[in-house]
């Protein structure tokens, strides 16, 4: 009886740091993420307002991104640094829409100070690609099912980003991203505006 009680106590201490008994399966988790957000739409256009700080410099500029299928067309406005390629801006958006391209594993469950639950998954891209994240770890919000945080590795370097979403036109869309890149140790903040979705 004593051994049984001790085993239950140890299990209760371990579960918060691992995958809990009530945790959804990985396929169910990914389906919730896919249903929750709408940047996976076949044709969508929006604006990014970008502020990038690196070393002693600050750049402020905007970009118009149009996504059709898995292809991104990026038009960068004046003021962007020469080392920042359009593909980097597309990569910021690609986190959500390209999740199906990864071999993923559910590795744990975390709870923040406010009591909010996050499901942690990690993995690598199934097929190597010249653009987009190659590997990483994602934190999925357990109430609204969006990717709240991501630590990612790209061909150009690494990105750690936190992101929030908002409701627009009845859709859950990217609102603000804040992150740190390995490009000169830069800090980036991106605001998303002027969403347009093609009629289905």
Protein backbone atom coordinates (compact mmCIF):
# COMPACT_ATOMS: atom_id res chain seq x y z
CA UNK A 1 0.00 0.00 0.00
CA UNK A 2 2.84 2.37 0.89
CA UNK A 3 4.60 1.60 -2.39
CA UNK A 4 1.38 2.28 -4.30
CA UNK A 5 0.94 5.70 -2.63
CA UNK A 6 4.56 6.61 -3.28
CA UNK A 7 4.18 5.64 -6.94
CA UNK A 8 1.09 7.84 -7.27
CA UNK A 9 2.92 10.74 -5.64
CA UNK A 10 5.90 10.42 -7.99
CA UNK A 11 3.58 10.19 -11.00
CA UNK A 12 1.68 13.31 -9.94
CA UNK A 13 4.96 15.21 -9.66
CA UNK A 14 6.20 14.08 -13.05
CA UNK A 15 3.08 14.58 -15.14
CA UNK A 16 3.12 18.41 -15.25
CA UNK A 17 6.54 18.31 -16.93
CA UNK A 18 5.84 15.56 -19.42
CA UNK A 19 2.89 14.56 -21.58
CA UNK A 20 -0.17 14.44 -19.35
CA UNK A 21 -2.74 11.69 -19.43
CA UNK A 22 -5.44 14.04 -20.82
CA UNK A 23 -3.16 15.46 -23.53
CA UNK A 24 -4.69 15.13 -27.03
CA UNK A 25 -2.90 12.90 -29.51
CA UNK A 26 -0.52 14.59 -31.95
CA UNK A 27 -2.88 14.18 -34.96
CA UNK A 28 -5.77 15.64 -32.94
CA UNK A 29 -3.57 18.52 -31.80
CA UNK A 30 -2.45 19.36 -35.34
CA UNK A 31 -6.05 19.22 -36.58
CA UNK A 32 -7.09 21.73 -33.92
CA UNK A 33 -4.26 24.05 -35.04
CA UNK A 34 -5.27 23.71 -38.70
CA UNK A 35 -8.90 24.49 -37.96
CA UNK A 36 -8.15 27.44 -35.68
CA UNK A 37 -6.15 29.69 -38.00
CA UNK A 38 -6.68 30.88 -41.54
CA UNK A 39 -3.27 31.68 -43.04
CA UNK A 40 -3.50 28.20 -44.56
CA UNK A 41 -6.09 29.64 -47.01
CA UNK A 42 -5.17 29.13 -50.67
CA UNK A 43 -5.07 32.86 -51.49
CA UNK A 44 -4.46 35.59 -48.91
CA UNK A 45 -2.81 39.00 -48.92
CA UNK A 46 -1.73 41.22 -46.00
CA UNK A 47 0.78 43.86 -44.90
CA UNK A 48 3.65 43.50 -42.46
CA UNK A 49 4.86 46.59 -40.57
CA UNK A 50 8.39 45.71 -39.48
CA UNK A 51 10.78 47.21 -36.95
CA UNK A 52 14.22 45.62 -36.81
CA UNK A 53 16.94 46.55 -34.31
CA UNK A 54 20.51 45.26 -34.75
CA UNK A 55 23.70 46.60 -33.27
CA UNK A 56 23.10 50.38 -32.97
CA UNK A 57 20.74 50.57 -35.95
CA UNK A 58 16.96 50.56 -36.29
CA UNK A 59 15.06 49.95 -39.53
CA UNK A 60 11.34 50.56 -40.04
CA UNK A 61 9.64 49.44 -43.21
CA UNK A 62 6.65 47.55 -44.54
CA UNK A 63 6.09 44.60 -46.84
CA UNK A 64 3.11 43.32 -48.79
CA UNK A 65 2.84 39.54 -48.83
CA UNK A 66 0.56 37.56 -51.11
CA UNK A 67 0.26 33.83 -50.57
CA UNK A 68 -1.16 31.52 -53.24
CA UNK A 69 -1.00 27.85 -52.35
CA UNK A 70 2.50 27.25 -50.94
CA UNK A 71 4.04 30.19 -52.81
CA UNK A 72 4.75 33.62 -51.28
CA UNK A 73 5.17 36.82 -53.27
CA UNK A 74 6.89 39.46 -51.12
CA UNK A 75 7.09 43.15 -52.03
CA UNK A 76 9.35 45.05 -49.59
CA UNK A 77 8.98 48.82 -49.19
CA UNK A 78 11.72 51.39 -48.74
CA UNK A 79 13.86 51.40 -45.63
CA UNK A 80 14.62 47.68 -45.31
CA UNK A 81 18.26 46.69 -44.69
CA UNK A 82 20.07 45.12 -47.63
CA UNK A 83 20.92 41.94 -45.69
CA UNK A 84 17.23 41.15 -45.05
CA UNK A 85 15.97 39.11 -47.99
CA UNK A 86 12.25 38.86 -48.85
CA UNK A 87 12.36 35.14 -48.03
CA UNK A 88 13.02 35.97 -44.36
CA UNK A 89 9.75 37.91 -44.16
CA UNK A 90 7.89 35.04 -45.81
CA UNK A 91 9.52 32.64 -43.34
CA UNK A 92 7.87 34.51 -40.45
CA UNK A 93 4.45 33.62 -41.84
CA UNK A 94 5.40 30.12 -42.94
CA UNK A 95 5.58 28.80 -39.35
CA UNK A 96 1.83 28.16 -39.21
CA UNK A 97 1.01 27.24 -42.78
CA UNK A 98 3.92 24.78 -43.25
CA UNK A 99 3.41 22.71 -40.12
CA UNK A 100 2.25 19.73 -42.21
CA UNK A 101 5.69 19.60 -43.87
CA UNK A 102 7.39 18.49 -40.64
CA UNK A 103 7.98 15.16 -38.94
CA UNK A 104 6.69 16.11 -35.50
CA UNK A 105 6.68 14.69 -31.98
CA UNK A 106 4.71 15.81 -28.94
CA UNK A 107 7.36 16.24 -26.23
CA UNK A 108 5.60 17.86 -23.29
CA UNK A 109 3.03 20.13 -21.70
CA UNK A 110 3.82 23.43 -19.95
CA UNK A 111 1.73 25.83 -17.87
CA UNK A 112 2.56 29.51 -17.47
CA UNK A 113 2.04 31.65 -14.37
CA UNK A 114 -1.46 32.61 -15.51
CA UNK A 115 -2.44 28.93 -15.68
CA UNK A 116 -2.48 28.81 -19.49
CA UNK A 117 -1.56 25.44 -20.99
CA UNK A 118 0.85 24.98 -23.91
CA UNK A 119 1.51 21.76 -25.81
CA UNK A 120 5.14 21.51 -26.93
CA UNK A 121 6.01 19.79 -30.20
CA UNK A 122 9.29 19.57 -32.06
CA UNK A 123 10.57 18.11 -35.28
CA UNK A 124 12.42 18.45 -38.56
CA UNK A 125 11.29 19.13 -42.10
CA UNK A 126 10.40 15.94 -43.97
CA UNK A 127 12.15 17.11 -47.15
CA UNK A 128 14.99 19.68 -47.22
CA UNK A 129 14.00 23.03 -48.75
CA UNK A 130 15.81 26.23 -49.69
CA UNK A 131 13.19 28.35 -47.92
CA UNK A 132 11.33 28.02 -44.64
CA UNK A 133 12.13 26.50 -41.28
CA UNK A 134 14.23 23.33 -41.33
CA UNK A 135 13.67 22.27 -37.71
CA UNK A 136 12.32 23.66 -34.48
CA UNK A 137 10.18 23.55 -31.37
CA UNK A 138 6.65 24.97 -31.14
CA UNK A 139 4.43 25.92 -28.20
CA UNK A 140 0.72 25.56 -29.01
CA UNK A 141 -1.85 27.47 -26.99
CA UNK A 142 -4.17 24.92 -25.37
CA UNK A 143 -7.28 27.11 -25.45
CA UNK A 144 -7.23 28.81 -28.87
CA UNK A 145 -4.91 26.34 -30.63
CA UNK A 146 -2.47 28.73 -32.30
CA UNK A 147 1.33 28.63 -32.20
CA UNK A 148 2.20 31.07 -29.42
CA UNK A 149 5.98 30.61 -29.52
CA UNK A 150 8.51 29.05 -31.84
CA UNK A 151 12.27 28.37 -31.74
CA UNK A 152 13.25 27.69 -35.35
CA UNK A 153 16.31 26.95 -37.47
CA UNK A 154 16.46 28.22 -41.07
CA UNK A 155 19.07 28.05 -43.82
CA UNK A 156 19.92 31.69 -42.95
CA UNK A 157 20.12 31.23 -39.18
CA UNK A 158 17.88 30.93 -36.12
CA UNK A 159 14.73 32.69 -34.96
CA UNK A 160 13.01 32.75 -31.58
CA UNK A 161 9.57 34.33 -31.85
CA UNK A 162 6.47 34.89 -29.75
CA UNK A 163 3.25 35.73 -31.54
CA UNK A 164 -0.32 36.76 -30.84
CA UNK A 165 -3.46 36.45 -32.93
CA UNK A 166 -6.67 38.42 -33.32
CA UNK A 167 -10.10 37.91 -34.83
CA UNK A 168 -10.68 39.62 -38.17
CA UNK A 169 -13.56 38.97 -40.56
CA UNK A 170 -14.45 36.00 -38.38
CA UNK A 171 -10.97 34.52 -38.79
CA UNK A 172 -8.10 34.00 -36.35
CA UNK A 173 -5.11 35.76 -37.94
CA UNK A 174 -1.60 36.82 -36.98
CA UNK A 175 -1.56 40.10 -35.05
CA UNK A 176 1.96 40.75 -33.69
CA UNK A 177 5.24 38.84 -33.69
CA UNK A 178 8.22 39.68 -31.48
CA UNK A 179 11.45 37.80 -31.79
CA UNK A 180 15.22 37.54 -31.80
CA UNK A 181 17.16 36.45 -34.89
CA UNK A 182 20.73 35.32 -35.37
CA UNK A 183 21.08 37.97 -38.10
CA UNK A 184 23.42 40.35 -36.22
CA UNK A 185 21.56 39.44 -33.03
CA UNK A 186 18.64 41.47 -34.30
CA UNK A 187 15.34 42.02 -32.49
CA UNK A 188 12.28 42.19 -34.70
CA UNK A 189 8.67 43.23 -34.19
CA UNK A 190 6.12 42.63 -36.93
CA UNK A 191 2.55 43.93 -36.97
CA UNK A 192 0.04 42.43 -39.42
CA UNK A 193 -2.52 44.66 -41.16
CA UNK A 194 -4.98 44.82 -44.07
CA UNK A 195 -5.88 41.17 -44.49
CA UNK A 196 -7.63 40.16 -47.69
CA UNK A 197 -8.90 36.64 -48.42
CA UNK A 198 -10.07 35.33 -51.77
CA UNK A 199 -13.62 34.10 -51.81
CA UNK A 200 -13.75 30.28 -51.62
